[in-house]
Amino acid sequence: MSLARHELLSDISAHTSQVLREHGIDSDVAEQAGDAVANQLAENWGGQQFTFPRDYFFRIAKRDLKIYEEFRGNNYAELARKHHMTARGLYKLIARVQKRLVAERQGDLFGGEIG
């Protein structure tokens, strides 16, 4: 009898195994870990219907922090060109990151979440 697994879970297992192998993990261990991740996701999320997120905001935040680390206070035009942005877009990015960093350092006096 052939064992068939749902395509999504098979992909999760295969991709997890591949990433682990790329990080130097033994193939057998990587395959077992891939199956374990797929099993865990099936156990926790099985039966649910949802749209799989593209994680856009995480990627943008990561990009913004990378650009901010390159920012020296006077290199707006240089960074805008380098990252294929307008100068206005870069000004907004720097302001957004600075606001977020200040909010994280200061916290909220009234116990609300940092937005």
PDB file of N, CA and C in Angstrom:
ATOM      1  N   MET A   1       0.839  -1.165   0.000  1.00  0.00           N
ATOM      2  CA  MET A   1       0.000   0.000   0.000  1.00  0.00           C
ATOM      3  C   MET A   1       0.896   1.245   0.000  1.00  0.00           C
ATOM      4  N   SER A   2       0.561   2.184  -0.841  1.00  0.00           N
ATOM      5  CA  SER A   2       1.318   3.423  -0.955  1.00  0.00           C
ATOM      6  C   SER A   2       0.761   4.476   0.005  1.00  0.00           C
ATOM      7  N   LEU A   3       1.655   5.165   0.700  1.00  0.00           N
ATOM      8  CA  LEU A   3       1.232   6.223   1.608  1.00  0.00           C
ATOM      9  C   LEU A   3       1.256   7.557   0.870  1.00  0.00           C
ATOM     10  N   ALA A   4       0.118   8.227   0.852  1.00  0.00           N
ATOM     11  CA  ALA A   4       0.030   9.528   0.185  1.00  0.00           C
ATOM     12  C   ALA A   4      -0.223  10.603   1.230  1.00  0.00           C
ATOM     13  N   ARG A   5       0.459  11.690   1.087  1.00  0.00           N
ATOM     14  CA  ARG A   5       0.308  12.805   2.021  1.00  0.00           C
ATOM     15  C   ARG A   5      -0.203  14.012   1.241  1.00  0.00           C
ATOM     16  N   HIS A   6      -0.935  14.864   1.915  1.00  0.00           N
ATOM     17  CA  HIS A   6      -1.439  16.076   1.282  1.00  0.00           C
ATOM     18  C   HIS A   6      -0.270  16.867   0.687  1.00  0.00           C
ATOM     19  N   GLU A   7      -0.498  17.474  -0.465  1.00  0.00           N
ATOM     20  CA  GLU A   7       0.559  18.184  -1.181  1.00  0.00           C
ATOM     21  C   GLU A   7       1.220  19.276  -0.327  1.00  0.00           C
ATOM     22  N   LEU A   8       0.434  20.032   0.415  1.00  0.00           N
ATOM     23  CA  LEU A   8       1.000  21.097   1.248  1.00  0.00           C
ATOM     24  C   LEU A   8       1.937  20.518   2.306  1.00  0.00           C
ATOM     25  N   LEU A   9       1.503  19.458   2.972  1.00  0.00           N
ATOM     26  CA  LEU A   9       2.339  18.851   4.012  1.00  0.00           C
ATOM     27  C   LEU A   9       3.588  18.212   3.417  1.00  0.00           C
ATOM     28  N   SER A  10       3.458  17.620   2.242  1.00  0.00           N
ATOM     29  CA  SER A  10       4.635  17.063   1.560  1.00  0.00           C
ATOM     30  C   SER A  10       5.632  18.161   1.225  1.00  0.00           C
ATOM     31  N   ASP A  11       5.121  19.296   0.729  1.00  0.00           N
ATOM     32  CA  ASP A  11       5.997  20.422   0.405  1.00  0.00           C
ATOM     33  C   ASP A  11       6.681  20.971   1.653  1.00  0.00           C
ATOM     34  N   ILE A  12       5.927  21.104   2.733  1.00  0.00           N
ATOM     35  CA  ILE A  12       6.506  21.608   3.984  1.00  0.00           C
ATOM     36  C   ILE A  12       7.624  20.687   4.448  1.00  0.00           C
ATOM     37  N   SER A  13       7.373  19.397   4.413  1.00  0.00           N
ATOM     38  CA  SER A  13       8.380  18.422   4.817  1.00  0.00           C
ATOM     39  C   SER A  13       9.620  18.523   3.929  1.00  0.00           C
ATOM     40  N   ALA A  14       9.396  18.579   2.614  1.00  0.00           N
ATOM     41  CA  ALA A  14      10.513  18.629   1.668  1.00  0.00           C
ATOM     42  C   ALA A  14      11.316  19.920   1.810  1.00  0.00           C
ATOM     43  N   HIS A  15      10.629  21.047   1.927  1.00  0.00           N
ATOM     44  CA  HIS A  15      11.334  22.328   2.048  1.00  0.00           C
ATOM     45  C   HIS A  15      12.092  22.428   3.367  1.00  0.00           C
ATOM     46  N   THR A  16      11.486  21.942   4.435  1.00  0.00           N
ATOM     47  CA  THR A  16      12.168  21.955   5.732  1.00  0.00           C
ATOM     48  C   THR A  16      13.429  21.096   5.666  1.00  0.00           C
ATOM     49  N   SER A  17      13.307  19.910   5.088  1.00  0.00           N
ATOM     50  CA  SER A  17      14.466  19.021   4.945  1.00  0.00           C
ATOM     51  C   SER A  17      15.566  19.684   4.126  1.00  0.00           C
ATOM     52  N   GLN A  18      15.174  20.341   3.033  1.00  0.00           N
ATOM     53  CA  GLN A  18      16.147  21.001   2.163  1.00  0.00           C
ATOM     54  C   GLN A  18      16.893  22.112   2.905  1.00  0.00           C
ATOM     55  N   VAL A  19      16.162  22.934   3.638  1.00  0.00           N
ATOM     56  CA  VAL A  19      16.795  24.028   4.388  1.00  0.00           C
ATOM     57  C   VAL A  19      17.763  23.469   5.423  1.00  0.00           C
ATOM     58  N   LEU A  20      17.361  22.413   6.109  1.00  0.00           N
ATOM     59  CA  LEU A  20      18.242  21.814   7.115  1.00  0.00           C
ATOM     60  C   LEU A  20      19.506  21.240   6.478  1.00  0.00           C
ATOM     61  N   ARG A  21      19.366  20.587   5.325  1.00  0.00           N
ATOM     62  CA  ARG A  21      20.546  20.063   4.628  1.00  0.00           C
ATOM     63  C   ARG A  21      21.471  21.209   4.211  1.00  0.00           C
ATOM     64  N   GLU A  22      20.873  22.324   3.755  1.00  0.00           N
ATOM     65  CA  GLU A  22      21.677  23.483   3.366  1.00  0.00           C
ATOM     66  C   GLU A  22      22.431  24.074   4.555  1.00  0.00           C
ATOM     67  N   HIS A  23      21.945  23.797   5.756  1.00  0.00           N
ATOM     68  CA  HIS A  23      22.614  24.271   6.968  1.00  0.00           C
ATOM     69  C   HIS A  23      23.510  23.193   7.583  1.00  0.00           C
ATOM     70  N   GLY A  24      23.800  22.161   6.806  1.00  0.00           N
ATOM     71  CA  GLY A  24      24.772  21.165   7.233  1.00  0.00           C
ATOM     72  C   GLY A  24      24.237  20.023   8.073  1.00  0.00           C
ATOM     73  N   ILE A  25      22.922  19.882   8.159  1.00  0.00           N
ATOM     74  CA  ILE A  25      22.331  18.788   8.932  1.00  0.00           C
ATOM     75  C   ILE A  25      22.332  17.525   8.074  1.00  0.00           C
ATOM     76  N   ASP A  26      22.647  16.396   8.690  1.00  0.00           N
ATOM     77  CA  ASP A  26      22.652  15.103   8.017  1.00  0.00           C
ATOM     78  C   ASP A  26      21.312  14.860   7.321  1.00  0.00           C
ATOM     79  N   SER A  27      21.340  14.255   6.141  1.00  0.00           N
ATOM     80  CA  SER A  27      20.130  14.051   5.338  1.00  0.00           C
ATOM     81  C   SER A  27      19.045  13.274   6.066  1.00  0.00           C
ATOM     82  N   ASP A  28      19.426  12.204   6.776  1.00  0.00           N
ATOM     83  CA  ASP A  28      18.421  11.410   7.497  1.00  0.00           C
ATOM     84  C   ASP A  28      17.753  12.229   8.601  1.00  0.00           C
ATOM     85  N   VAL A  29      18.552  12.970   9.334  1.00  0.00           N
ATOM     86  CA  VAL A  29      18.017  13.814  10.409  1.00  0.00           C
ATOM     87  C   VAL A  29      17.141  14.917   9.810  1.00  0.00           C
ATOM     88  N   ALA A  30      17.592  15.505   8.708  1.00  0.00           N
ATOM     89  CA  ALA A  30      16.826  16.567   8.051  1.00  0.00           C
ATOM     90  C   ALA A  30      15.468  16.044   7.582  1.00  0.00           C
ATOM     91  N   GLU A  31      15.454  14.838   7.030  1.00  0.00           N
ATOM     92  CA  GLU A  31      14.193  14.255   6.568  1.00  0.00           C
ATOM     93  C   GLU A  31      13.254  13.981   7.742  1.00  0.00           C
ATOM     94  N   GLN A  32      13.790  13.446   8.827  1.00  0.00           N
ATOM     95  CA  GLN A  32      12.966  13.197  10.017  1.00  0.00           C
ATOM     96  C   GLN A  32      12.410  14.506  10.580  1.00  0.00           C
ATOM     97  N   ALA A  33      13.243  15.536  10.612  1.00  0.00           N
ATOM     98  CA  ALA A  33      12.792  16.833  11.120  1.00  0.00           C
ATOM     99  C   ALA A  33      11.728  17.430  10.207  1.00  0.00           C
ATOM    100  N   GLY A  34      11.904  17.296   8.902  1.00  0.00           N
ATOM    101  CA  GLY A  34      10.902  17.789   7.955  1.00  0.00           C
ATOM    102  C   GLY A  34       9.560  17.127   8.172  1.00  0.00           C
ATOM    103  N   ASP A  35       9.576  15.809   8.342  1.00  0.00           N
ATOM    104  CA  ASP A  35       8.331  15.084   8.623  1.00  0.00           C
ATOM    105  C   ASP A  35       7.732  15.517   9.955  1.00  0.00           C
ATOM    106  N   ALA A  36       8.579  15.728  10.962  1.00  0.00           N
ATOM    107  CA  ALA A  36       8.089  16.141  12.280  1.00  0.00           C
ATOM    108  C   ALA A  36       7.433  17.519  12.216  1.00  0.00           C
ATOM    109  N   VAL A  37       8.021  18.433  11.450  1.00  0.00           N
ATOM    110  CA  VAL A  37       7.426  19.769  11.295  1.00  0.00           C
ATOM    111  C   VAL A  37       6.070  19.658  10.609  1.00  0.00           C
ATOM    112  N   ALA A  38       5.999  18.883   9.529  1.00  0.00           N
ATOM    113  CA  ALA A  38       4.728  18.704   8.819  1.00  0.00           C
ATOM    114  C   ALA A  38       3.687  18.063   9.731  1.00  0.00           C
ATOM    115  N   ASN A  39       4.096  17.063  10.510  1.00  0.00           N
ATOM    116  CA  ASN A  39       3.167  16.417  11.443  1.00  0.00           C
ATOM    117  C   ASN A  39       2.650  17.407  12.483  1.00  0.00           C
ATOM    118  N   GLN A  40       3.549  18.216  13.023  1.00  0.00           N
ATOM    119  CA  GLN A  40       3.165  19.195  14.042  1.00  0.00           C
ATOM    120  C   GLN A  40       2.192  20.224  13.478  1.00  0.00           C
ATOM    121  N   LEU A  41       2.468  20.704  12.275  1.00  0.00           N
ATOM    122  CA  LEU A  41       1.560  21.670  11.645  1.00  0.00           C
ATOM    123  C   LEU A  41       0.198  21.048  11.367  1.00  0.00           C
ATOM    124  N   ALA A  42       0.198  19.792  10.914  1.00  0.00           N
ATOM    125  CA  ALA A  42      -1.071  19.102  10.661  1.00  0.00           C
ATOM    126  C   ALA A  42      -1.858  18.943  11.956  1.00  0.00           C
ATOM    127  N   GLU A  43      -1.149  18.642  13.033  1.00  0.00           N
ATOM    128  CA  GLU A  43      -1.804  18.470  14.333  1.00  0.00           C
ATOM    129  C   GLU A  43      -2.392  19.792  14.832  1.00  0.00           C
ATOM    130  N   ASN A  44      -1.625  20.865  14.704  1.00  0.00           N
ATOM    131  CA  ASN A  44      -2.060  22.162  15.226  1.00  0.00           C
ATOM    132  C   ASN A  44      -3.045  22.893  14.323  1.00  0.00           C
ATOM    133  N   TRP A  45      -2.887  22.759  13.012  1.00  0.00           N
ATOM    134  CA  TRP A  45      -3.691  23.538  12.075  1.00  0.00           C
ATOM    135  C   TRP A  45      -4.655  22.693  11.248  1.00  0.00           C
ATOM    136  N   GLY A  46      -4.608  21.374  11.418  1.00  0.00           N
ATOM    137  CA  GLY A  46      -5.459  20.486  10.629  1.00  0.00           C
ATOM    138  C   GLY A  46      -6.933  20.845  10.737  1.00  0.00           C
ATOM    139  N   GLY A  47      -7.622  20.854   9.610  1.00  0.00           N
ATOM    140  CA  GLY A  47      -9.046  21.149   9.580  1.00  0.00           C
ATOM    141  C   GLY A  47      -9.367  22.626   9.449  1.00  0.00           C
ATOM    142  N   GLN A  48      -8.377  23.482   9.631  1.00  0.00           N
ATOM    143  CA  GLN A  48      -8.593  24.928   9.515  1.00  0.00           C
ATOM    144  C   GLN A  48      -8.501  25.348   8.055  1.00  0.00           C
ATOM    145  N   GLN A  49      -9.243  26.376   7.710  1.00  0.00           N
ATOM    146  CA  GLN A  49      -9.107  26.960   6.379  1.00  0.00           C
ATOM    147  C   GLN A  49      -8.558  28.365   6.555  1.00  0.00           C
ATOM    148  N   PHE A  50      -7.455  28.643   5.901  1.00  0.00           N
ATOM    149  CA  PHE A  50      -6.833  29.956   6.027  1.00  0.00           C
ATOM    150  C   PHE A  50      -6.047  30.261   4.771  1.00  0.00           C
ATOM    151  N   THR A  51      -5.734  31.528   4.621  1.00  0.00           N
ATOM    152  CA  THR A  51      -4.875  31.969   3.540  1.00  0.00           C
ATOM    153  C   THR A  51      -3.458  32.017   4.087  1.00  0.00           C
ATOM    154  N   PHE A  52      -2.545  31.389   3.402  1.00  0.00           N
ATOM    155  CA  PHE A  52      -1.168  31.347   3.870  1.00  0.00           C
ATOM    156  C   PHE A  52      -0.532  32.718   3.650  1.00  0.00           C
ATOM    157  N   PRO A  53      -0.027  33.351   4.698  1.00  0.00           N
ATOM    158  CA  PRO A  53       0.509  34.713   4.567  1.00  0.00           C
ATOM    159  C   PRO A  53       1.810  34.748   3.772  1.00  0.00           C
ATOM    160  N   ARG A  54       2.002  35.824   3.053  1.00  0.00           N
ATOM    161  CA  ARG A  54       3.250  36.022   2.318  1.00  0.00           C
ATOM    162  C   ARG A  54       4.317  36.663   3.197  1.00  0.00           C
ATOM    163  N   ASP A  55       3.944  37.071   4.384  1.00  0.00           N
ATOM    164  CA  ASP A  55       4.866  37.660   5.360  1.00  0.00           C
ATOM    165  C   ASP A  55       5.463  38.975   4.864  1.00  0.00           C
ATOM    166  N   TYR A  56       4.642  39.719   4.132  1.00  0.00           N
ATOM    167  CA  TYR A  56       5.072  40.972   3.517  1.00  0.00           C
ATOM    168  C   TYR A  56       5.613  41.965   4.541  1.00  0.00           C
ATOM    169  N   PHE A  57       4.883  42.181   5.644  1.00  0.00           N
ATOM    170  CA  PHE A  57       5.300  43.189   6.615  1.00  0.00           C
ATOM    171  C   PHE A  57       6.618  42.818   7.292  1.00  0.00           C
ATOM    172  N   PHE A  58       6.851  41.547   7.521  1.00  0.00           N
ATOM    173  CA  PHE A  58       8.120  41.107   8.104  1.00  0.00           C
ATOM    174  C   PHE A  58       9.272  41.415   7.153  1.00  0.00           C
ATOM    175  N   ARG A  59       9.074  41.081   5.874  1.00  0.00           N
ATOM    176  CA  ARG A  59      10.134  41.327   4.894  1.00  0.00           C
ATOM    177  C   ARG A  59      10.412  42.815   4.729  1.00  0.00           C
ATOM    178  N   ILE A  60       9.340  43.621   4.717  1.00  0.00           N
ATOM    179  CA  ILE A  60       9.516  45.063   4.585  1.00  0.00           C
ATOM    180  C   ILE A  60      10.238  45.622   5.814  1.00  0.00           C
ATOM    181  N   ALA A  61       9.840  45.185   7.004  1.00  0.00           N
ATOM    182  CA  ALA A  61      10.493  45.665   8.228  1.00  0.00           C
ATOM    183  C   ALA A  61      11.972  45.294   8.221  1.00  0.00           C
ATOM    184  N   LYS A  62      12.277  44.095   7.765  1.00  0.00           N
ATOM    185  CA  LYS A  62      13.662  43.640   7.683  1.00  0.00           C
ATOM    186  C   LYS A  62      14.452  44.520   6.708  1.00  0.00           C
ATOM    187  N   ARG A  63      13.835  44.801   5.552  1.00  0.00           N
ATOM    188  CA  ARG A  63      14.468  45.663   4.554  1.00  0.00           C
ATOM    189  C   ARG A  63      14.674  47.067   5.118  1.00  0.00           C
ATOM    190  N   ASP A  64      13.645  47.594   5.788  1.00  0.00           N
ATOM    191  CA  ASP A  64      13.729  48.941   6.357  1.00  0.00           C
ATOM    192  C   ASP A  64      14.872  49.046   7.361  1.00  0.00           C
ATOM    193  N   LEU A  65      15.013  48.049   8.222  1.00  0.00           N
ATOM    194  CA  LEU A  65      16.102  48.071   9.209  1.00  0.00           C
ATOM    195  C   LEU A  65      17.468  48.016   8.538  1.00  0.00           C
ATOM    196  N   LYS A  66      17.569  47.228   7.475  1.00  0.00           N
ATOM    197  CA  LYS A  66      18.835  47.128   6.740  1.00  0.00           C
ATOM    198  C   LYS A  66      19.201  48.492   6.154  1.00  0.00           C
ATOM    199  N   ILE A  67      18.225  49.154   5.540  1.00  0.00           N
ATOM    200  CA  ILE A  67      18.479  50.475   4.964  1.00  0.00           C
ATOM    201  C   ILE A  67      18.827  51.472   6.067  1.00  0.00           C
ATOM    202  N   TYR A  68      18.098  51.413   7.172  1.00  0.00           N
ATOM    203  CA  TYR A  68      18.341  52.341   8.282  1.00  0.00           C
ATOM    204  C   TYR A  68      19.764  52.182   8.832  1.00  0.00           C
ATOM    205  N   GLU A  69      20.262  50.966   8.864  1.00  0.00           N
ATOM    206  CA  GLU A  69      21.631  50.724   9.339  1.00  0.00           C
ATOM    207  C   GLU A  69      22.663  51.396   8.432  1.00  0.00           C
ATOM    208  N   GLU A  70      22.314  51.576   7.150  1.00  0.00           N
ATOM    209  CA  GLU A  70      23.213  52.229   6.196  1.00  0.00           C
ATOM    210  C   GLU A  70      23.088  53.753   6.242  1.00  0.00           C
ATOM    211  N   PHE A  71      22.069  54.242   6.915  1.00  0.00           N
ATOM    212  CA  PHE A  71      21.776  55.674   6.948  1.00  0.00           C
ATOM    213  C   PHE A  71      22.774  56.403   7.845  1.00  0.00           C
ATOM    214  N   ARG A  72      23.361  57.509   7.307  1.00  0.00           N
ATOM    215  CA  ARG A  72      24.346  58.289   8.060  1.00  0.00           C
ATOM    216  C   ARG A  72      23.848  59.702   8.372  1.00  0.00           C
ATOM    217  N   GLY A  73      22.621  60.012   8.009  1.00  0.00           N
ATOM    218  CA  GLY A  73      22.071  61.334   8.291  1.00  0.00           C
ATOM    219  C   GLY A  73      22.118  62.285   7.113  1.00  0.00           C
ATOM    220  N   ASN A  74      22.995  62.006   6.160  1.00  0.00           N
ATOM    221  CA  ASN A  74      23.131  62.904   5.011  1.00  0.00           C
ATOM    222  C   ASN A  74      23.198  62.157   3.679  1.00  0.00           C
ATOM    223  N   ASN A  75      22.865  60.896   3.684  1.00  0.00           N
ATOM    224  CA  ASN A  75      23.002  60.104   2.456  1.00  0.00           C
ATOM    225  C   ASN A  75      21.648  59.632   1.909  1.00  0.00           C
ATOM    226  N   TYR A  76      20.643  60.490   1.987  1.00  0.00           N
ATOM    227  CA  TYR A  76      19.314  60.140   1.477  1.00  0.00           C
ATOM    228  C   TYR A  76      19.358  59.783  -0.011  1.00  0.00           C
ATOM    229  N   ALA A  77      19.963  60.659  -0.814  1.00  0.00           N
ATOM    230  CA  ALA A  77      19.978  60.448  -2.265  1.00  0.00           C
ATOM    231  C   ALA A  77      20.715  59.157  -2.623  1.00  0.00           C
ATOM    232  N   GLU A  78      21.839  58.933  -1.977  1.00  0.00           N
ATOM    233  CA  GLU A  78      22.635  57.723  -2.234  1.00  0.00           C
ATOM    234  C   GLU A  78      21.823  56.459  -1.927  1.00  0.00           C
ATOM    235  N   LEU A  79      21.179  56.435  -0.761  1.00  0.00           N
ATOM    236  CA  LEU A  79      20.399  55.254  -0.374  1.00  0.00           C
ATOM    237  C   LEU A  79      19.166  55.085  -1.251  1.00  0.00           C
ATOM    238  N   ALA A  80      18.541  56.186  -1.632  1.00  0.00           N
ATOM    239  CA  ALA A  80      17.367  56.106  -2.503  1.00  0.00           C
ATOM    240  C   ALA A  80      17.747  55.446  -3.826  1.00  0.00           C
ATOM    241  N   ARG A  81      18.857  55.875  -4.406  1.00  0.00           N
ATOM    242  CA  ARG A  81      19.319  55.259  -5.664  1.00  0.00           C
ATOM    243  C   ARG A  81      19.667  53.789  -5.461  1.00  0.00           C
ATOM    244  N   LYS A  82      20.424  53.518  -4.427  1.00  0.00           N
ATOM    245  CA  LYS A  82      20.888  52.146  -4.170  1.00  0.00           C
ATOM    246  C   LYS A  82      19.727  51.168  -4.009  1.00  0.00           C
ATOM    247  N   HIS A  83      18.657  51.614  -3.346  1.00  0.00           N
ATOM    248  CA  HIS A  83      17.539  50.713  -3.044  1.00  0.00           C
ATOM    249  C   HIS A  83      16.329  50.946  -3.949  1.00  0.00           C
ATOM    250  N   HIS A  84      16.559  51.662  -5.054  1.00  0.00           N
ATOM    251  CA  HIS A  84      15.511  51.890  -6.065  1.00  0.00           C
ATOM    252  C   HIS A  84      14.257  52.501  -5.450  1.00  0.00           C
ATOM    253  N   MET A  85      14.456  53.554  -4.684  1.00  0.00           N
ATOM    254  CA  MET A  85      13.362  54.261  -4.027  1.00  0.00           C
ATOM    255  C   MET A  85      13.412  55.730  -4.426  1.00  0.00           C
ATOM    256  N   THR A  86      12.314  56.430  -4.180  1.00  0.00           N
ATOM    257  CA  THR A  86      12.336  57.879  -4.322  1.00  0.00           C
ATOM    258  C   THR A  86      12.915  58.465  -3.036  1.00  0.00           C
ATOM    259  N   ALA A  87      13.407  59.691  -3.129  1.00  0.00           N
ATOM    260  CA  ALA A  87      13.928  60.355  -1.930  1.00  0.00           C
ATOM    261  C   ALA A  87      12.814  60.507  -0.898  1.00  0.00           C
ATOM    262  N   ARG A  88      11.618  60.855  -1.357  1.00  0.00           N
ATOM    263  CA  ARG A  88      10.478  60.998  -0.441  1.00  0.00           C
ATOM    264  C   ARG A  88      10.182  59.673   0.262  1.00  0.00           C
ATOM    265  N   GLY A  89      10.213  58.581  -0.494  1.00  0.00           N
ATOM    266  CA  GLY A  89       9.980  57.268   0.101  1.00  0.00           C
ATOM    267  C   GLY A  89      11.024  56.935   1.153  1.00  0.00           C
ATOM    268  N   LEU A  90      12.261  57.329   0.882  1.00  0.00           N
ATOM    269  CA  LEU A  90      13.329  57.060   1.841  1.00  0.00           C
ATOM    270  C   LEU A  90      13.172  57.918   3.097  1.00  0.00           C
ATOM    271  N   TYR A  91      12.794  59.188   2.933  1.00  0.00           N
ATOM    272  CA  TYR A  91      12.527  60.039   4.105  1.00  0.00           C
ATOM    273  C   TYR A  91      11.456  59.401   4.988  1.00  0.00           C
ATOM    274  N   LYS A  92      10.389  58.911   4.353  1.00  0.00           N
ATOM    275  CA  LYS A  92       9.301  58.287   5.110  1.00  0.00           C
ATOM    276  C   LYS A  92       9.783  57.017   5.809  1.00  0.00           C
ATOM    277  N   LEU A  93      10.594  56.226   5.119  1.00  0.00           N
ATOM    278  CA  LEU A  93      11.135  54.992   5.698  1.00  0.00           C
ATOM    279  C   LEU A  93      11.972  55.313   6.938  1.00  0.00           C
ATOM    280  N   ILE A  94      12.870  56.278   6.829  1.00  0.00           N
ATOM    281  CA  ILE A  94      13.738  56.642   7.957  1.00  0.00           C
ATOM    282  C   ILE A  94      12.894  57.124   9.131  1.00  0.00           C
ATOM    283  N   ALA A  95      11.902  57.967   8.851  1.00  0.00           N
ATOM    284  CA  ALA A  95      11.032  58.473   9.920  1.00  0.00           C
ATOM    285  C   ALA A  95      10.261  57.339  10.581  1.00  0.00           C
ATOM    286  N   ARG A  96       9.769  56.404   9.772  1.00  0.00           N
ATOM    287  CA  ARG A  96       9.007  55.257  10.298  1.00  0.00           C
ATOM    288  C   ARG A  96       9.879  54.393  11.205  1.00  0.00           C
ATOM    289  N   VAL A  97      11.093  54.098  10.773  1.00  0.00           N
ATOM    290  CA  VAL A  97      11.993  53.266  11.577  1.00  0.00           C
ATOM    291  C   VAL A  97      12.387  53.998  12.857  1.00  0.00           C
ATOM    292  N   GLN A  98      12.694  55.284  12.753  1.00  0.00           N
ATOM    293  CA  GLN A  98      13.064  56.046  13.949  1.00  0.00           C
ATOM    294  C   GLN A  98      11.917  56.068  14.955  1.00  0.00           C
ATOM    295  N   LYS A  99      10.704  56.275  14.475  1.00  0.00           N
ATOM    296  CA  LYS A  99       9.529  56.291  15.355  1.00  0.00           C
ATOM    297  C   LYS A  99       9.364  54.942  16.050  1.00  0.00           C
ATOM    298  N   ARG A 100       9.542  53.877  15.294  1.00  0.00           N
ATOM    299  CA  ARG A 100       9.404  52.528  15.856  1.00  0.00           C
ATOM    300  C   ARG A 100      10.487  52.253  16.907  1.00  0.00           C
ATOM    301  N   LEU A 101      11.710  52.642  16.613  1.00  0.00           N
ATOM    302  CA  LEU A 101      12.809  52.408  17.554  1.00  0.00           C
ATOM    303  C   LEU A 101      12.619  53.204  18.843  1.00  0.00           C
ATOM    304  N   VAL A 102      12.175  54.443  18.730  1.00  0.00           N
ATOM    305  CA  VAL A 102      11.914  55.258  19.925  1.00  0.00           C
ATOM    306  C   VAL A 102      10.798  54.630  20.742  1.00  0.00           C
ATOM    307  N   ALA A 103       9.728  54.204  20.075  1.00  0.00           N
ATOM    308  CA  ALA A 103       8.595  53.590  20.774  1.00  0.00           C
ATOM    309  C   ALA A 103       9.019  52.317  21.496  1.00  0.00           C
ATOM    310  N   GLU A 104       9.884  51.528  20.873  1.00  0.00           N
ATOM    311  CA  GLU A 104      10.343  50.287  21.509  1.00  0.00           C
ATOM    312  C   GLU A 104      11.212  50.579  22.727  1.00  0.00           C
ATOM    313  N   ARG A 105      12.022  51.623  22.647  1.00  0.00           N
ATOM    314  CA  ARG A 105      12.891  51.981  23.771  1.00  0.00           C
ATOM    315  C   ARG A 105      12.112  52.577  24.932  1.00  0.00           C
ATOM    316  N   GLN A 106      11.125  53.398  24.613  1.00  0.00           N
ATOM    317  CA  GLN A 106      10.396  54.101  25.661  1.00  0.00           C
ATOM    318  C   GLN A 106       9.257  53.293  26.239  1.00  0.00           C
ATOM    319  N   GLY A 107       8.676  52.404  25.473  1.00  0.00           N
ATOM    320  CA  GLY A 107       7.518  51.662  25.953  1.00  0.00           C
ATOM    321  C   GLY A 107       6.302  52.569  26.029  1.00  0.00           C
ATOM    322  N   ASP A 108       5.225  52.058  26.607  1.00  0.00           N
ATOM    323  CA  ASP A 108       3.971  52.796  26.700  1.00  0.00           C
ATOM    324  C   ASP A 108       3.628  53.011  28.165  1.00  0.00           C
ATOM    325  N   LEU A 109       3.456  54.242  28.532  1.00  0.00           N
ATOM    326  CA  LEU A 109       3.144  54.603  29.905  1.00  0.00           C
ATOM    327  C   LEU A 109       1.839  53.981  30.385  1.00  0.00           C
ATOM    328  N   PHE A 110       0.919  53.751  29.459  1.00  0.00           N
ATOM    329  CA  PHE A 110      -0.406  53.262  29.835  1.00  0.00           C
ATOM    330  C   PHE A 110      -0.619  51.778  29.529  1.00  0.00           C
ATOM    331  N   GLY A 111       0.420  51.074  29.157  1.00  0.00           N
ATOM    332  CA  GLY A 111       0.337  49.623  29.000  1.00  0.00           C
ATOM    333  C   GLY A 111      -0.238  49.130  27.692  1.00  0.00           C
ATOM    334  N   GLY A 112      -0.409  49.989  26.703  1.00  0.00           N
ATOM    335  CA  GLY A 112      -0.907  49.549  25.401  1.00  0.00           C
ATOM    336  C   GLY A 112       0.210  48.925  24.597  1.00  0.00           C
ATOM    337  N   GLU A 113      -0.155  48.347  23.464  1.00  0.00           N
ATOM    338  CA  GLU A 113       0.852  47.733  22.609  1.00  0.00           C
ATOM    339  C   GLU A 113       1.547  48.790  21.774  1.00  0.00           C
ATOM    340  N   ILE A 114       2.764  48.491  21.394  1.00  0.00           N
ATOM    341  CA  ILE A 114       3.519  49.367  20.506  1.00  0.00           C
ATOM    342  C   ILE A 114       3.002  49.130  19.100  1.00  0.00           C
ATOM    343  N   GLY A 115       2.611  50.149  18.385  1.00  0.00           N
ATOM    344  CA  GLY A 115       2.024  50.009  17.058  1.00  0.00           C
ATOM    345  C   GLY A 115       2.933  50.446  16.047  1.00  0.00           C
TER     346      GLY A 115
END
